[in-house]
Amino acid sequence: MNSTNTSFLDRFSPYLLLVLAACFWGGNFNIARAFNTEIPPMALSFWRWTVAGLILLPFVWQPMRAQWSSFKQHFSLVLALGILGVTGFNTLVYLGLQTTTATNGVLMQSVNPIFIIALSSLLLGEFATKRQWLGIILSLLGVLVILIQGKLANLLKLDFHAGDLIILLAVLDWALYTVLLRKLPNELKGLPILGYTIVIGVLGILPLYLTEIILTSRLMPINWISISSVLYVAIFPSILSYLFWNHGTQKIGANRAGQFAHVVPISGILIAVLLLGEQLHLYHLLGILLVVAGIVLANYRQKTTTLPK
């Protein structure tokens, strides 16, 4: 691959990179929900990606210039990735978290592998094996154990909101983004695609941000909460998570990478325990064990069936 950062990431296991990406996104859900009264959703989305773009600019400018001809050749694909991965996904997540809980938000993320497998079948001709489906079911069971706190009676008490449908649309959006990544040519992988998608994504978010200001008159306050929140979501869930997720997906395939969406709720819970002082219970450990077992099962000696061309 031509990008320097891609060569650097080749030194690490794609599975480790996917786990780290999911962990950073778990923190993103916590921050978006914790400070939703402080920071308007479109403001957080716009400044998250604007700051991420400014941080990346010295590193992505030259690779983007070098691959300009390839960008023009694959413009429609890169445009779709920018709108889906930056504008659409983040806008829907932050809007959804205005009217639902962080717990419900990460619950919706657990459906991601199913959407990815369905879209992979339709768009790439890649079909999941029985082992993959068993892994998905096992991981979903682990997430469910945590959500109902190990008690079946709590299943009837789960409360869903209008924001849950918006989060579900975000999950479908992300699944399509993940599948389309497989269509990228090698020369655009790594820094070039991240740079191009951020530029496209920010341009897509800008009119939504301006509309939010006009309709609600809400501005993001300049204080330690907003600054630290924007810096976190710009560096970790944006720059690092997208680099790690893109690289991992291109290495092991969309179906297998999709299993790591189950790490998002687990990381969100662990962050709440470590930083917010919430208690860790036995059902947490059981759920984590089931999620890990499902991921291992789905990825162990995985073979992908492809339609004949």
Protein backbone atom coordinates (compact mmCIF):
# COMPACT_ATOMS: atom_id res chain seq x y z
CA MET A 1 0.00 0.00 0.00
CA ASN A 2 1.22 3.48 -0.77
CA SER A 3 0.26 5.37 2.39
CA THR A 4 2.90 5.62 5.10
CA ASN A 5 0.37 5.32 7.92
CA THR A 6 -1.06 2.16 6.34
CA SER A 7 2.40 0.58 6.37
CA PHE A 8 2.73 1.56 10.03
CA LEU A 9 -0.66 0.02 10.90
CA ASP A 10 0.40 -3.20 9.18
CA ARG A 11 2.66 -3.78 12.19
CA PHE A 12 -0.39 -4.29 14.40
CA SER A 13 -3.02 -7.01 14.44
CA PRO A 14 -6.18 -5.87 12.61
CA TYR A 15 -8.17 -7.43 15.45
CA LEU A 16 -6.42 -5.20 18.01
CA LEU A 17 -7.09 -2.14 15.86
CA LEU A 18 -10.79 -3.02 15.55
CA VAL A 19 -11.09 -3.49 19.32
CA LEU A 20 -9.45 -0.10 19.96
CA ALA A 21 -11.72 1.58 17.40
CA ALA A 22 -14.80 0.15 19.11
CA CYS A 23 -13.53 1.18 22.56
CA PHE A 24 -13.05 4.78 21.45
CA TRP A 25 -16.57 4.80 20.00
CA GLY A 26 -17.90 3.54 23.32
CA GLY A 27 -16.51 6.70 24.90
CA ASN A 28 -18.12 8.77 22.14
CA PHE A 29 -21.60 7.55 23.13
CA ASN A 30 -20.96 8.38 26.79
CA ILE A 31 -19.78 11.91 26.04
CA ALA A 32 -22.55 12.66 23.54
CA ARG A 33 -25.21 11.57 26.02
CA ALA A 34 -23.59 13.01 29.17
CA PHE A 35 -23.27 16.53 27.76
CA ASN A 36 -26.27 16.64 25.41
CA THR A 37 -27.75 19.57 27.35
CA GLU A 38 -24.45 21.46 27.19
CA ILE A 39 -23.48 20.84 23.56
CA PRO A 40 -26.03 20.87 20.69
CA PRO A 41 -25.79 17.75 18.49
CA MET A 42 -24.88 19.43 15.19
CA ALA A 43 -22.37 21.69 16.95
CA LEU A 44 -20.63 18.66 18.44
CA SER A 45 -20.61 16.89 15.08
CA PHE A 46 -19.33 19.93 13.15
CA TRP A 47 -16.56 20.89 15.57
CA ARG A 48 -15.57 17.27 16.10
CA TRP A 49 -14.73 16.82 12.43
CA THR A 50 -13.44 20.33 11.84
CA VAL A 51 -10.90 19.93 14.64
CA ALA A 52 -10.04 16.42 13.45
CA GLY A 53 -9.46 17.79 9.96
CA LEU A 54 -7.20 20.58 11.21
CA ILE A 55 -5.15 18.13 13.28
CA LEU A 56 -4.77 15.80 10.31
CA LEU A 57 -4.11 18.49 7.68
CA PRO A 58 -0.27 18.44 7.89
CA PHE A 59 -0.31 14.65 7.49
CA VAL A 60 -3.01 14.19 4.84
CA TRP A 61 -2.36 17.14 2.52
CA GLN A 62 0.49 15.55 0.58
CA PRO A 63 -1.11 12.07 0.28
CA MET A 64 -4.36 13.70 -0.88
CA ARG A 65 -2.54 15.72 -3.55
CA ALA A 66 -0.62 12.65 -4.67
CA GLN A 67 -3.85 10.68 -5.15
CA TRP A 68 -5.91 13.48 -6.71
CA SER A 69 -6.31 11.66 -10.02
CA SER A 70 -7.45 8.49 -8.24
CA PHE A 71 -9.88 10.55 -6.18
CA LYS A 72 -11.43 12.00 -9.34
CA GLN A 73 -11.64 8.54 -10.87
CA HIS A 74 -13.48 7.12 -7.84
CA PHE A 75 -15.29 10.33 -6.87
CA SER A 76 -18.76 8.80 -6.49
CA LEU A 77 -17.47 6.11 -4.12
CA VAL A 78 -15.47 8.58 -1.99
CA LEU A 79 -18.44 10.96 -1.93
CA ALA A 80 -20.67 8.16 -0.65
CA LEU A 81 -18.12 7.22 2.03
CA GLY A 82 -17.85 10.84 3.20
CA ILE A 83 -21.61 11.34 3.40
CA LEU A 84 -22.23 7.96 5.06
CA GLY A 85 -19.24 7.74 7.39
CA VAL A 86 -18.96 11.35 8.56
CA THR A 87 -22.09 13.38 7.79
CA GLY A 88 -24.78 10.73 8.08
CA PHE A 89 -23.58 8.47 10.87
CA ASN A 90 -22.54 11.17 13.33
CA THR A 91 -25.54 13.37 12.64
CA LEU A 92 -27.94 10.50 13.26
CA VAL A 93 -26.14 9.28 16.40
CA TYR A 94 -26.00 12.70 18.05
CA LEU A 95 -29.61 13.46 17.13
CA GLY A 96 -30.75 10.09 18.44
CA LEU A 97 -28.95 10.54 21.74
CA GLN A 98 -30.98 13.69 22.38
CA THR A 99 -34.05 11.53 23.02
CA THR A 100 -32.74 8.14 24.08
CA THR A 101 -30.27 6.75 26.59
CA ALA A 102 -26.64 5.84 25.96
CA THR A 103 -27.55 2.26 26.92
CA ASN A 104 -30.20 2.05 24.23
CA GLY A 105 -27.79 3.69 21.80
CA VAL A 106 -25.17 1.01 22.25
CA LEU A 107 -27.89 -1.67 22.15
CA MET A 108 -28.73 -0.53 18.62
CA GLN A 109 -25.04 -0.87 17.68
CA SER A 110 -25.27 -4.58 18.39
CA VAL A 111 -27.44 -5.03 15.29
CA ASN A 112 -24.58 -3.73 13.12
CA PRO A 113 -23.07 -7.15 12.22
CA ILE A 114 -26.43 -8.38 10.91
CA PHE A 115 -26.81 -5.33 8.66
CA ILE A 116 -23.22 -5.71 7.44
CA ILE A 117 -23.71 -9.36 6.51
CA ALA A 118 -26.97 -8.58 4.68
CA LEU A 119 -25.38 -5.74 2.70
CA SER A 120 -22.22 -7.76 2.01
CA SER A 121 -24.38 -10.46 0.48
CA LEU A 122 -26.23 -7.96 -1.71
CA LEU A 123 -23.32 -5.72 -2.77
CA LEU A 124 -20.21 -7.90 -2.58
CA GLY A 125 -21.52 -11.44 -2.94
CA GLU A 126 -19.95 -12.36 0.41
CA PHE A 127 -22.03 -14.70 2.55
CA ALA A 128 -21.69 -15.48 6.24
CA THR A 129 -20.94 -19.03 7.33
CA LYS A 130 -22.75 -20.90 10.09
CA ARG A 131 -19.81 -20.15 12.37
CA GLN A 132 -20.27 -16.41 11.79
CA TRP A 133 -23.98 -16.56 12.54
CA LEU A 134 -23.31 -18.51 15.74
CA GLY A 135 -20.76 -15.88 16.73
CA ILE A 136 -23.26 -13.07 16.11
CA ILE A 137 -25.94 -14.83 18.17
CA LEU A 138 -23.50 -15.48 21.02
CA SER A 139 -22.33 -11.85 21.07
CA LEU A 140 -25.90 -10.52 20.90
CA LEU A 141 -26.75 -12.77 23.83
CA GLY A 142 -23.84 -11.28 25.78
CA VAL A 143 -25.03 -7.73 25.13
CA LEU A 144 -28.58 -8.73 26.13
CA VAL A 145 -27.35 -10.26 29.42
CA ILE A 146 -25.77 -6.92 30.30
CA LEU A 147 -28.77 -4.84 29.27
CA ILE A 148 -31.24 -6.89 31.33
CA GLN A 149 -28.74 -7.16 34.21
CA GLY A 150 -28.89 -10.94 34.12
CA LYS A 151 -32.62 -11.04 34.90
CA LEU A 152 -35.19 -12.14 32.29
CA ALA A 153 -37.89 -10.08 34.00
CA ASN A 154 -35.98 -6.91 33.08
CA LEU A 155 -36.46 -7.70 29.39
CA LEU A 156 -40.05 -6.44 29.65
CA LYS A 157 -38.87 -3.22 31.32
CA LEU A 158 -36.61 -2.06 28.49
CA ASP A 159 -37.85 1.37 27.46
CA PHE A 160 -37.44 2.48 23.85
CA HIS A 161 -37.73 6.03 22.53
CA ALA A 162 -38.06 7.87 19.22
CA GLY A 163 -34.29 8.35 19.27
CA ASP A 164 -33.82 4.58 19.04
CA LEU A 165 -35.16 4.56 15.48
CA ILE A 166 -32.72 7.34 14.58
CA ILE A 167 -29.84 5.35 16.10
CA LEU A 168 -30.98 2.29 14.14
CA LEU A 169 -30.79 4.33 10.93
CA ALA A 170 -27.26 5.35 11.96
CA VAL A 171 -26.34 1.67 12.36
CA LEU A 172 -27.66 0.89 8.87
CA ASP A 173 -25.71 3.88 7.56
CA TRP A 174 -22.50 2.60 9.18
CA ALA A 175 -23.02 -0.91 7.86
CA LEU A 176 -23.23 0.44 4.31
CA TYR A 177 -20.08 2.52 4.90
CA THR A 178 -18.21 -0.56 6.16
CA VAL A 179 -19.22 -2.65 3.15
CA LEU A 180 -18.32 0.07 0.62
CA LEU A 181 -14.83 0.35 2.13
CA ARG A 182 -14.04 -2.97 0.47
CA LYS A 183 -14.45 -1.32 -2.93
CA LEU A 184 -11.66 1.23 -2.36
CA PRO A 185 -8.54 0.95 -4.52
CA ASN A 186 -5.29 0.43 -2.59
CA GLU A 187 -3.87 3.86 -3.40
CA LEU A 188 -6.74 5.65 -1.62
CA LYS A 189 -6.59 3.60 1.57
CA GLY A 190 -5.20 5.08 4.78
CA LEU A 191 -4.61 8.83 4.98
CA PRO A 192 -5.97 9.85 1.55
CA ILE A 193 -9.45 8.41 2.11
CA LEU A 194 -9.62 9.77 5.67
CA GLY A 195 -8.71 13.24 4.43
CA TYR A 196 -11.18 13.22 1.55
CA THR A 197 -14.06 11.84 3.63
CA ILE A 198 -13.51 14.42 6.38
CA VAL A 199 -13.63 17.29 3.87
CA ILE A 200 -16.78 15.91 2.25
CA GLY A 201 -18.34 15.10 5.62
CA VAL A 202 -17.73 18.55 7.11
CA LEU A 203 -19.21 20.21 4.03
CA GLY A 204 -22.26 17.99 4.53
CA ILE A 205 -22.56 18.82 8.23
CA LEU A 206 -22.14 22.61 7.78
CA PRO A 207 -25.67 23.36 6.46
CA LEU A 208 -27.15 21.16 9.20
CA TYR A 209 -25.12 23.04 11.82
CA LEU A 210 -26.23 26.43 10.48
CA THR A 211 -29.85 25.24 10.38
CA GLU A 212 -29.58 24.14 14.03
CA ILE A 213 -28.34 27.60 15.04
CA ILE A 214 -31.12 29.35 13.11
CA LEU A 215 -33.93 27.12 14.40
CA THR A 216 -32.84 26.68 18.02
CA SER A 217 -30.54 29.67 18.70
CA ARG A 218 -28.32 27.21 20.60
CA LEU A 219 -24.59 27.85 20.46
CA MET A 220 -21.89 25.63 21.89
CA PRO A 221 -20.50 27.25 25.07
CA ILE A 222 -16.74 27.74 25.29
CA ASN A 223 -15.77 26.05 28.55
CA TRP A 224 -13.69 23.11 29.76
CA ILE A 225 -16.55 20.65 29.15
CA SER A 226 -17.04 21.60 25.51
CA ILE A 227 -13.32 21.93 24.73
CA SER A 228 -12.32 18.63 26.34
CA SER A 229 -15.31 16.84 24.78
CA VAL A 230 -14.52 18.11 21.28
CA LEU A 231 -10.83 17.23 21.65
CA TYR A 232 -11.68 13.68 22.76
CA VAL A 233 -14.20 13.00 20.00
CA ALA A 234 -11.91 14.62 17.40
CA ILE A 235 -8.81 12.59 18.26
CA PHE A 236 -10.05 9.20 19.45
CA PRO A 237 -13.46 8.30 17.91
CA SER A 238 -12.66 10.31 14.77
CA ILE A 239 -9.02 10.15 13.68
CA LEU A 240 -7.85 6.98 15.42
CA SER A 241 -11.07 4.96 15.27
CA TYR A 242 -11.62 5.65 11.57
CA LEU A 243 -8.01 4.83 10.66
CA PHE A 244 -8.13 1.64 12.74
CA TRP A 245 -11.59 0.56 11.53
CA ASN A 246 -10.85 1.24 7.87
CA HIS A 247 -7.55 -0.65 8.05
CA GLY A 248 -9.01 -3.59 9.98
CA THR A 249 -12.00 -3.88 7.63
CA GLN A 250 -9.78 -3.88 4.55
CA LYS A 251 -7.59 -6.57 6.11
CA ILE A 252 -10.16 -9.11 7.33
CA GLY A 253 -13.34 -8.19 5.43
CA ALA A 254 -16.59 -6.43 6.30
CA ASN A 255 -18.39 -9.49 7.73
CA ARG A 256 -15.66 -10.36 10.21
CA ALA A 257 -14.92 -6.75 11.14
CA GLY A 258 -18.61 -6.18 11.83
CA GLN A 259 -18.46 -8.55 14.81
CA PHE A 260 -16.39 -5.96 16.67
CA ALA A 261 -19.40 -3.64 16.88
CA HIS A 262 -20.31 -5.71 19.94
CA VAL A 263 -17.27 -4.25 21.70
CA VAL A 264 -18.87 -0.77 21.65
CA PRO A 265 -21.43 -1.44 24.43
CA ILE A 266 -18.85 -3.35 26.46
CA SER A 267 -16.38 -0.47 26.30
CA GLY A 268 -19.14 1.99 27.12
CA ILE A 269 -19.96 0.06 30.29
CA LEU A 270 -16.31 -0.23 31.33
CA ILE A 271 -15.78 3.50 30.78
CA ALA A 272 -18.80 4.22 32.98
CA VAL A 273 -17.34 1.95 35.68
CA LEU A 274 -13.85 3.47 35.53
CA LEU A 275 -14.71 7.14 35.11
CA LEU A 276 -18.24 7.54 36.47
CA GLY A 277 -17.92 5.23 39.46
CA GLU A 278 -20.62 2.78 38.37
CA GLN A 279 -20.40 -0.72 39.85
CA LEU A 280 -19.21 -3.79 37.95
CA HIS A 281 -21.48 -6.81 38.51
CA LEU A 282 -21.28 -10.52 37.74
CA TYR A 283 -23.69 -10.15 34.82
CA HIS A 284 -21.27 -7.61 33.28
CA LEU A 285 -18.49 -10.20 33.36
CA LEU A 286 -20.77 -12.92 31.95
CA GLY A 287 -21.90 -10.64 29.14
CA ILE A 288 -18.34 -9.63 28.27
CA LEU A 289 -17.31 -13.30 28.22
CA LEU A 290 -20.14 -14.14 25.79
CA VAL A 291 -19.28 -11.20 23.52
CA VAL A 292 -15.60 -12.15 23.38
CA ALA A 293 -16.50 -15.80 22.75
CA GLY A 294 -18.79 -14.77 19.90
CA ILE A 295 -16.11 -12.64 18.25
CA VAL A 296 -13.53 -15.41 18.53
CA LEU A 297 -15.97 -17.99 17.16
CA ALA A 298 -16.93 -15.82 14.19
CA ASN A 299 -13.33 -15.04 13.25
CA TYR A 300 -11.57 -18.35 13.93
CA ARG A 301 -10.52 -19.92 10.61
CA GLN A 302 -13.24 -17.95 8.83
CA LYS A 303 -13.82 -18.73 5.17
CA THR A 304 -15.91 -16.44 3.00
CA THR A 305 -18.10 -17.86 0.25
CA THR A 306 -18.09 -15.64 -2.85
CA LEU A 307 -20.45 -15.79 -5.79
CA PRO A 308 -18.74 -17.00 -8.99
CA LYS A 309 -18.07 -14.21 -11.46
